[in-house]
Amino acid sequence: MTETETQVEGHLASHLDQLPAADLRSRKIVELMKSEEAGHGQAARALGATELPAPIPTLMRIAARVMTGTAYWL
């Protein structure tokens, strides 16, 4: 669970990097979403979630890139 939240938080951070600085409304929404994801990860860790073994986060990241890339082109 924590790895999913970490990766989603990173994905949202990349969206923030791409949004125009003047688009305050969109930036606020994405910042709120990013903050919520961070909170989910903290809650999971507080409830005893552990880190995944080294190859799993990398595989998750690759799978997410394939899915978002596919969704972009569909």
PDB file of N, CA and C in Angstrom:
ATOM      1  N   MET A   1       0.820  -1.191   0.000  1.00  0.00           N
ATOM      2  CA  MET A   1       0.000   0.000   0.000  1.00  0.00           C
ATOM      3  C   MET A   1       0.869   1.261   0.000  1.00  0.00           C
ATOM      4  N   THR A   2       1.886   1.282   0.834  1.00  0.00           N
ATOM      5  CA  THR A   2       2.695   2.503   0.903  1.00  0.00           C
ATOM      6  C   THR A   2       3.407   2.771  -0.416  1.00  0.00           C
ATOM      7  N   GLU A   3       3.839   1.725  -1.096  1.00  0.00           N
ATOM      8  CA  GLU A   3       4.536   1.925  -2.373  1.00  0.00           C
ATOM      9  C   GLU A   3       3.592   2.513  -3.411  1.00  0.00           C
ATOM     10  N   THR A   4       2.368   2.060  -3.427  1.00  0.00           N
ATOM     11  CA  THR A   4       1.382   2.613  -4.360  1.00  0.00           C
ATOM     12  C   THR A   4       1.198   4.101  -4.092  1.00  0.00           C
ATOM     13  N   GLU A   5       1.042   4.459  -2.839  1.00  0.00           N
ATOM     14  CA  GLU A   5       0.847   5.867  -2.485  1.00  0.00           C
ATOM     15  C   GLU A   5       2.075   6.691  -2.855  1.00  0.00           C
ATOM     16  N   THR A   6       3.253   6.152  -2.615  1.00  0.00           N
ATOM     17  CA  THR A   6       4.496   6.847  -2.958  1.00  0.00           C
ATOM     18  C   THR A   6       4.578   7.099  -4.455  1.00  0.00           C
ATOM     19  N   GLN A   7       4.224   6.084  -5.243  1.00  0.00           N
ATOM     20  CA  GLN A   7       4.311   6.229  -6.689  1.00  0.00           C
ATOM     21  C   GLN A   7       3.251   7.184  -7.232  1.00  0.00           C
ATOM     22  N   VAL A   8       2.052   7.132  -6.673  1.00  0.00           N
ATOM     23  CA  VAL A   8       1.002   8.067  -7.099  1.00  0.00           C
ATOM     24  C   VAL A   8       1.407   9.498  -6.736  1.00  0.00           C
ATOM     25  N   GLU A   9       1.984   9.668  -5.561  1.00  0.00           N
ATOM     26  CA  GLU A   9       2.452  10.986  -5.143  1.00  0.00           C
ATOM     27  C   GLU A   9       3.505  11.520  -6.121  1.00  0.00           C
ATOM     28  N   GLY A  10       4.408  10.667  -6.551  1.00  0.00           N
ATOM     29  CA  GLY A  10       5.413  11.066  -7.538  1.00  0.00           C
ATOM     30  C   GLY A  10       4.801  11.410  -8.883  1.00  0.00           C
ATOM     31  N   HIS A  11       3.800  10.645  -9.277  1.00  0.00           N
ATOM     32  CA  HIS A  11       3.104  10.900 -10.542  1.00  0.00           C
ATOM     33  C   HIS A  11       2.422  12.268 -10.496  1.00  0.00           C
ATOM     34  N   LEU A  12       1.786  12.572  -9.378  1.00  0.00           N
ATOM     35  CA  LEU A  12       1.125  13.868  -9.228  1.00  0.00           C
ATOM     36  C   LEU A  12       2.150  15.010  -9.205  1.00  0.00           C
ATOM     37  N   ALA A  13       3.312  14.760  -8.614  1.00  0.00           N
ATOM     38  CA  ALA A  13       4.374  15.770  -8.606  1.00  0.00           C
ATOM     39  C   ALA A  13       4.813  16.084 -10.038  1.00  0.00           C
ATOM     40  N   SER A  14       4.869  15.061 -10.895  1.00  0.00           N
ATOM     41  CA  SER A  14       5.256  15.302 -12.288  1.00  0.00           C
ATOM     42  C   SER A  14       4.198  16.134 -13.003  1.00  0.00           C
ATOM     43  N   HIS A  15       2.921  15.934 -12.646  1.00  0.00           N
ATOM     44  CA  HIS A  15       1.865  16.766 -13.222  1.00  0.00           C
ATOM     45  C   HIS A  15       2.035  18.222 -12.784  1.00  0.00           C
ATOM     46  N   LEU A  16       2.390  18.418 -11.525  1.00  0.00           N
ATOM     47  CA  LEU A  16       2.614  19.785 -11.036  1.00  0.00           C
ATOM     48  C   LEU A  16       3.744  20.465 -11.810  1.00  0.00           C
ATOM     49  N   ASP A  17       4.778  19.691 -12.128  1.00  0.00           N
ATOM     50  CA  ASP A  17       5.903  20.248 -12.883  1.00  0.00           C
ATOM     51  C   ASP A  17       5.479  20.692 -14.277  1.00  0.00           C
ATOM     52  N   GLN A  18       4.464  20.033 -14.827  1.00  0.00           N
ATOM     53  CA  GLN A  18       4.026  20.334 -16.194  1.00  0.00           C
ATOM     54  C   GLN A  18       2.943  21.404 -16.267  1.00  0.00           C
ATOM     55  N   LEU A  19       2.264  21.645 -15.159  1.00  0.00           N
ATOM     56  CA  LEU A  19       1.198  22.651 -15.164  1.00  0.00           C
ATOM     57  C   LEU A  19       1.780  24.060 -15.214  1.00  0.00           C
ATOM     58  N   PRO A  20       1.132  24.927 -15.966  1.00  0.00           N
ATOM     59  CA  PRO A  20       1.586  26.322 -15.984  1.00  0.00           C
ATOM     60  C   PRO A  20       1.470  26.943 -14.585  1.00  0.00           C
ATOM     61  N   ALA A  21       2.414  27.758 -14.224  1.00  0.00           N
ATOM     62  CA  ALA A  21       2.410  28.399 -12.905  1.00  0.00           C
ATOM     63  C   ALA A  21       1.159  29.253 -12.701  1.00  0.00           C
ATOM     64  N   ALA A  22       0.609  29.782 -13.781  1.00  0.00           N
ATOM     65  CA  ALA A  22      -0.565  30.646 -13.684  1.00  0.00           C
ATOM     66  C   ALA A  22      -1.871  29.868 -13.490  1.00  0.00           C
ATOM     67  N   ASP A  23      -1.836  28.557 -13.711  1.00  0.00           N
ATOM     68  CA  ASP A  23      -3.056  27.742 -13.564  1.00  0.00           C
ATOM     69  C   ASP A  23      -3.229  27.369 -12.091  1.00  0.00           C
ATOM     70  N   LEU A  24      -3.573  28.356 -11.308  1.00  0.00           N
ATOM     71  CA  LEU A  24      -3.644  28.174  -9.857  1.00  0.00           C
ATOM     72  C   LEU A  24      -4.721  27.175  -9.437  1.00  0.00           C
ATOM     73  N   ARG A  25      -5.839  27.168 -10.133  1.00  0.00           N
ATOM     74  CA  ARG A  25      -6.929  26.258  -9.768  1.00  0.00           C
ATOM     75  C   ARG A  25      -6.494  24.793  -9.933  1.00  0.00           C
ATOM     76  N   SER A  26      -5.946  24.466 -11.095  1.00  0.00           N
ATOM     77  CA  SER A  26      -5.492  23.092 -11.333  1.00  0.00           C
ATOM     78  C   SER A  26      -4.371  22.710 -10.384  1.00  0.00           C
ATOM     79  N   ARG A  27      -3.444  23.633 -10.155  1.00  0.00           N
ATOM     80  CA  ARG A  27      -2.321  23.367  -9.251  1.00  0.00           C
ATOM     81  C   ARG A  27      -2.827  23.054  -7.850  1.00  0.00           C
ATOM     82  N   LYS A  28      -3.823  23.805  -7.388  1.00  0.00           N
ATOM     83  CA  LYS A  28      -4.381  23.590  -6.051  1.00  0.00           C
ATOM     84  C   LYS A  28      -5.012  22.198  -5.947  1.00  0.00           C
ATOM     85  N   ILE A  29      -5.734  21.789  -6.991  1.00  0.00           N
ATOM     86  CA  ILE A  29      -6.375  20.468  -6.994  1.00  0.00           C
ATOM     87  C   ILE A  29      -5.329  19.369  -6.943  1.00  0.00           C
ATOM     88  N   VAL A  30      -4.310  19.466  -7.790  1.00  0.00           N
ATOM     89  CA  VAL A  30      -3.273  18.423  -7.830  1.00  0.00           C
ATOM     90  C   VAL A  30      -2.476  18.422  -6.523  1.00  0.00           C
ATOM     91  N   GLU A  31      -2.195  19.585  -5.961  1.00  0.00           N
ATOM     92  CA  GLU A  31      -1.487  19.646  -4.675  1.00  0.00           C
ATOM     93  C   GLU A  31      -2.305  18.984  -3.566  1.00  0.00           C
ATOM     94  N   LEU A  32      -3.616  19.193  -3.581  1.00  0.00           N
ATOM     95  CA  LEU A  32      -4.484  18.555  -2.595  1.00  0.00           C
ATOM     96  C   LEU A  32      -4.464  17.034  -2.767  1.00  0.00           C
ATOM     97  N   MET A  33      -4.549  16.580  -4.005  1.00  0.00           N
ATOM     98  CA  MET A  33      -4.497  15.141  -4.266  1.00  0.00           C
ATOM     99  C   MET A  33      -3.169  14.547  -3.792  1.00  0.00           C
ATOM    100  N   LYS A  34      -2.077  15.248  -4.083  1.00  0.00           N
ATOM    101  CA  LYS A  34      -0.743  14.789  -3.678  1.00  0.00           C
ATOM    102  C   LYS A  34      -0.639  14.705  -2.151  1.00  0.00           C
ATOM    103  N   SER A  35      -1.175  15.707  -1.474  1.00  0.00           N
ATOM    104  CA  SER A  35      -1.172  15.717  -0.014  1.00  0.00           C
ATOM    105  C   SER A  35      -1.988  14.549   0.556  1.00  0.00           C
ATOM    106  N   GLU A  36      -3.124  14.270  -0.056  1.00  0.00           N
ATOM    107  CA  GLU A  36      -3.953  13.149   0.394  1.00  0.00           C
ATOM    108  C   GLU A  36      -3.231  11.818   0.219  1.00  0.00           C
ATOM    109  N   GLU A  37      -2.536  11.656  -0.905  1.00  0.00           N
ATOM    110  CA  GLU A  37      -1.787  10.420  -1.132  1.00  0.00           C
ATOM    111  C   GLU A  37      -0.693  10.249  -0.091  1.00  0.00           C
ATOM    112  N   ALA A  38      -0.008  11.334   0.244  1.00  0.00           N
ATOM    113  CA  ALA A  38       1.031  11.274   1.279  1.00  0.00           C
ATOM    114  C   ALA A  38       0.414  10.858   2.612  1.00  0.00           C
ATOM    115  N   GLY A  39      -0.757  11.384   2.913  1.00  0.00           N
ATOM    116  CA  GLY A  39      -1.455  11.009   4.146  1.00  0.00           C
ATOM    117  C   GLY A  39      -1.846   9.544   4.169  1.00  0.00           C
ATOM    118  N   HIS A  40      -2.279   9.027   3.029  1.00  0.00           N
ATOM    119  CA  HIS A  40      -2.621   7.602   2.946  1.00  0.00           C
ATOM    120  C   HIS A  40      -1.398   6.738   3.242  1.00  0.00           C
ATOM    121  N   GLY A  41      -0.263   7.130   2.674  1.00  0.00           N
ATOM    122  CA  GLY A  41       0.969   6.380   2.918  1.00  0.00           C
ATOM    123  C   GLY A  41       1.385   6.419   4.378  1.00  0.00           C
ATOM    124  N   GLN A  42       1.270   7.585   4.997  1.00  0.00           N
ATOM    125  CA  GLN A  42       1.618   7.715   6.417  1.00  0.00           C
ATOM    126  C   GLN A  42       0.691   6.865   7.277  1.00  0.00           C
ATOM    127  N   ALA A  43      -0.592   6.861   6.936  1.00  0.00           N
ATOM    128  CA  ALA A  43      -1.555   6.055   7.695  1.00  0.00           C
ATOM    129  C   ALA A  43      -1.238   4.570   7.558  1.00  0.00           C
ATOM    130  N   ALA A  44      -0.884   4.150   6.352  1.00  0.00           N
ATOM    131  CA  ALA A  44      -0.545   2.741   6.138  1.00  0.00           C
ATOM    132  C   ALA A  44       0.673   2.341   6.957  1.00  0.00           C
ATOM    133  N   ARG A  45       1.701   3.203   6.960  1.00  0.00           N
ATOM    134  CA  ARG A  45       2.902   2.907   7.752  1.00  0.00           C
ATOM    135  C   ARG A  45       2.567   2.853   9.245  1.00  0.00           C
ATOM    136  N   ALA A  46       1.711   3.754   9.691  1.00  0.00           N
ATOM    137  CA  ALA A  46       1.316   3.776  11.106  1.00  0.00           C
ATOM    138  C   ALA A  46       0.564   2.503  11.503  1.00  0.00           C
ATOM    139  N   LEU A  47      -0.103   1.906  10.525  1.00  0.00           N
ATOM    140  CA  LEU A  47      -0.855   0.666  10.788  1.00  0.00           C
ATOM    141  C   LEU A  47      -0.011  -0.593  10.575  1.00  0.00           C
ATOM    142  N   GLY A  48       1.286  -0.403  10.293  1.00  0.00           N
ATOM    143  CA  GLY A  48       2.181  -1.547  10.204  1.00  0.00           C
ATOM    144  C   GLY A  48       2.599  -1.968   8.808  1.00  0.00           C
ATOM    145  N   ALA A  49       2.280  -1.174   7.788  1.00  0.00           N
ATOM    146  CA  ALA A  49       2.709  -1.527   6.438  1.00  0.00           C
ATOM    147  C   ALA A  49       4.234  -1.553   6.372  1.00  0.00           C
ATOM    148  N   THR A  50       4.757  -2.461   5.594  1.00  0.00           N
ATOM    149  CA  THR A  50       6.204  -2.584   5.442  1.00  0.00           C
ATOM    150  C   THR A  50       6.601  -2.273   4.006  1.00  0.00           C
ATOM    151  N   GLU A  51       7.894  -2.035   3.804  1.00  0.00           N
ATOM    152  CA  GLU A  51       8.422  -1.753   2.474  1.00  0.00           C
ATOM    153  C   GLU A  51       8.470  -3.047   1.658  1.00  0.00           C
ATOM    154  N   LEU A  52       8.234  -2.914   0.358  1.00  0.00           N
ATOM    155  CA  LEU A  52       8.316  -4.067  -0.532  1.00  0.00           C
ATOM    156  C   LEU A  52       9.772  -4.362  -0.886  1.00  0.00           C
ATOM    157  N   PRO A  53      10.089  -5.617  -1.217  1.00  0.00           N
ATOM    158  CA  PRO A  53      11.451  -5.956  -1.642  1.00  0.00           C
ATOM    159  C   PRO A  53      11.851  -5.172  -2.903  1.00  0.00           C
ATOM    160  N   ALA A  54      13.134  -4.954  -3.058  1.00  0.00           N
ATOM    161  CA  ALA A  54      13.697  -4.084  -4.103  1.00  0.00           C
ATOM    162  C   ALA A  54      13.116  -4.250  -5.514  1.00  0.00           C
ATOM    163  N   PRO A  55      12.925  -5.420  -6.063  1.00  0.00           N
ATOM    164  CA  PRO A  55      12.469  -5.427  -7.460  1.00  0.00           C
ATOM    165  C   PRO A  55      11.000  -5.026  -7.631  1.00  0.00           C
ATOM    166  N   ILE A  56      10.196  -5.158  -6.603  1.00  0.00           N
ATOM    167  CA  ILE A  56       8.762  -4.915  -6.732  1.00  0.00           C
ATOM    168  C   ILE A  56       8.437  -3.451  -7.050  1.00  0.00           C
ATOM    169  N   PRO A  57       8.975  -2.464  -6.321  1.00  0.00           N
ATOM    170  CA  PRO A  57       8.661  -1.069  -6.669  1.00  0.00           C
ATOM    171  C   PRO A  57       9.048  -0.709  -8.107  1.00  0.00           C
ATOM    172  N   THR A  58      10.172  -1.232  -8.562  1.00  0.00           N
ATOM    173  CA  THR A  58      10.601  -0.965  -9.942  1.00  0.00           C
ATOM    174  C   THR A  58       9.624  -1.565 -10.937  1.00  0.00           C
ATOM    175  N   LEU A  59       9.198  -2.780 -10.698  1.00  0.00           N
ATOM    176  CA  LEU A  59       8.213  -3.417 -11.580  1.00  0.00           C
ATOM    177  C   LEU A  59       6.887  -2.667 -11.558  1.00  0.00           C
ATOM    178  N   MET A  60       6.492  -2.184 -10.403  1.00  0.00           N
ATOM    179  CA  MET A  60       5.261  -1.401 -10.303  1.00  0.00           C
ATOM    180  C   MET A  60       5.374  -0.119 -11.126  1.00  0.00           C
ATOM    181  N   ARG A  61       6.519   0.537 -11.058  1.00  0.00           N
ATOM    182  CA  ARG A  61       6.746   1.775 -11.796  1.00  0.00           C
ATOM    183  C   ARG A  61       6.680   1.521 -13.303  1.00  0.00           C
ATOM    184  N   ILE A  62       7.288   0.427 -13.745  1.00  0.00           N
ATOM    185  CA  ILE A  62       7.265   0.074 -15.169  1.00  0.00           C
ATOM    186  C   ILE A  62       5.838  -0.217 -15.617  1.00  0.00           C
ATOM    187  N   ALA A  63       5.109  -0.998 -14.827  1.00  0.00           N
ATOM    188  CA  ALA A  63       3.723  -1.321 -15.171  1.00  0.00           C
ATOM    189  C   ALA A  63       2.869  -0.058 -15.243  1.00  0.00           C
ATOM    190  N   ALA A  64       3.088   0.874 -14.313  1.00  0.00           N
ATOM    191  CA  ALA A  64       2.329   2.121 -14.317  1.00  0.00           C
ATOM    192  C   ALA A  64       2.630   2.940 -15.569  1.00  0.00           C
ATOM    193  N   ARG A  65       3.881   2.970 -15.991  1.00  0.00           N
ATOM    194  CA  ARG A  65       4.246   3.708 -17.208  1.00  0.00           C
ATOM    195  C   ARG A  65       3.595   3.093 -18.439  1.00  0.00           C
ATOM    196  N   VAL A  66       3.555   1.768 -18.488  1.00  0.00           N
ATOM    197  CA  VAL A  66       2.891   1.085 -19.606  1.00  0.00           C
ATOM    198  C   VAL A  66       1.398   1.443 -19.616  1.00  0.00           C
ATOM    199  N   MET A  67       0.767   1.401 -18.454  1.00  0.00           N
ATOM    200  CA  MET A  67      -0.666   1.694 -18.386  1.00  0.00           C
ATOM    201  C   MET A  67      -0.978   3.145 -18.748  1.00  0.00           C
ATOM    202  N   THR A  68      -0.196   4.093 -18.203  1.00  0.00           N
ATOM    203  CA  THR A  68      -0.484   5.488 -18.508  1.00  0.00           C
ATOM    204  C   THR A  68      -0.155   5.807 -19.965  1.00  0.00           C
ATOM    205  N   GLY A  69       0.891   5.196 -20.489  1.00  0.00           N
ATOM    206  CA  GLY A  69       1.218   5.379 -21.906  1.00  0.00           C
ATOM    207  C   GLY A  69       0.133   4.826 -22.809  1.00  0.00           C
ATOM    208  N   THR A  70      -0.380   3.661 -22.459  1.00  0.00           N
ATOM    209  CA  THR A  70      -1.460   3.057 -23.240  1.00  0.00           C
ATOM    210  C   THR A  70      -2.717   3.916 -23.169  1.00  0.00           C
ATOM    211  N   ALA A  71      -3.061   4.392 -21.990  1.00  0.00           N
ATOM    212  CA  ALA A  71      -4.240   5.233 -21.812  1.00  0.00           C
ATOM    213  C   ALA A  71      -4.106   6.527 -22.612  1.00  0.00           C
ATOM    214  N   TYR A  72      -2.898   7.062 -22.683  1.00  0.00           N
ATOM    215  CA  TYR A  72      -2.671   8.291 -23.444  1.00  0.00           C
ATOM    216  C   TYR A  72      -3.012   8.098 -24.906  1.00  0.00           C
ATOM    217  N   TRP A  73      -2.610   6.970 -25.466  1.00  0.00           N
ATOM    218  CA  TRP A  73      -2.799   6.732 -26.899  1.00  0.00           C
ATOM    219  C   TRP A  73      -4.175   6.194 -27.240  1.00  0.00           C
ATOM    220  N   LEU A  74      -4.926   5.750 -26.260  1.00  0.00           N
ATOM    221  CA  LEU A  74      -6.280   5.242 -26.538  1.00  0.00           C
ATOM    222  C   LEU A  74      -7.269   6.314 -26.486  1.00  0.00           C
TER     223      LEU A  74
END
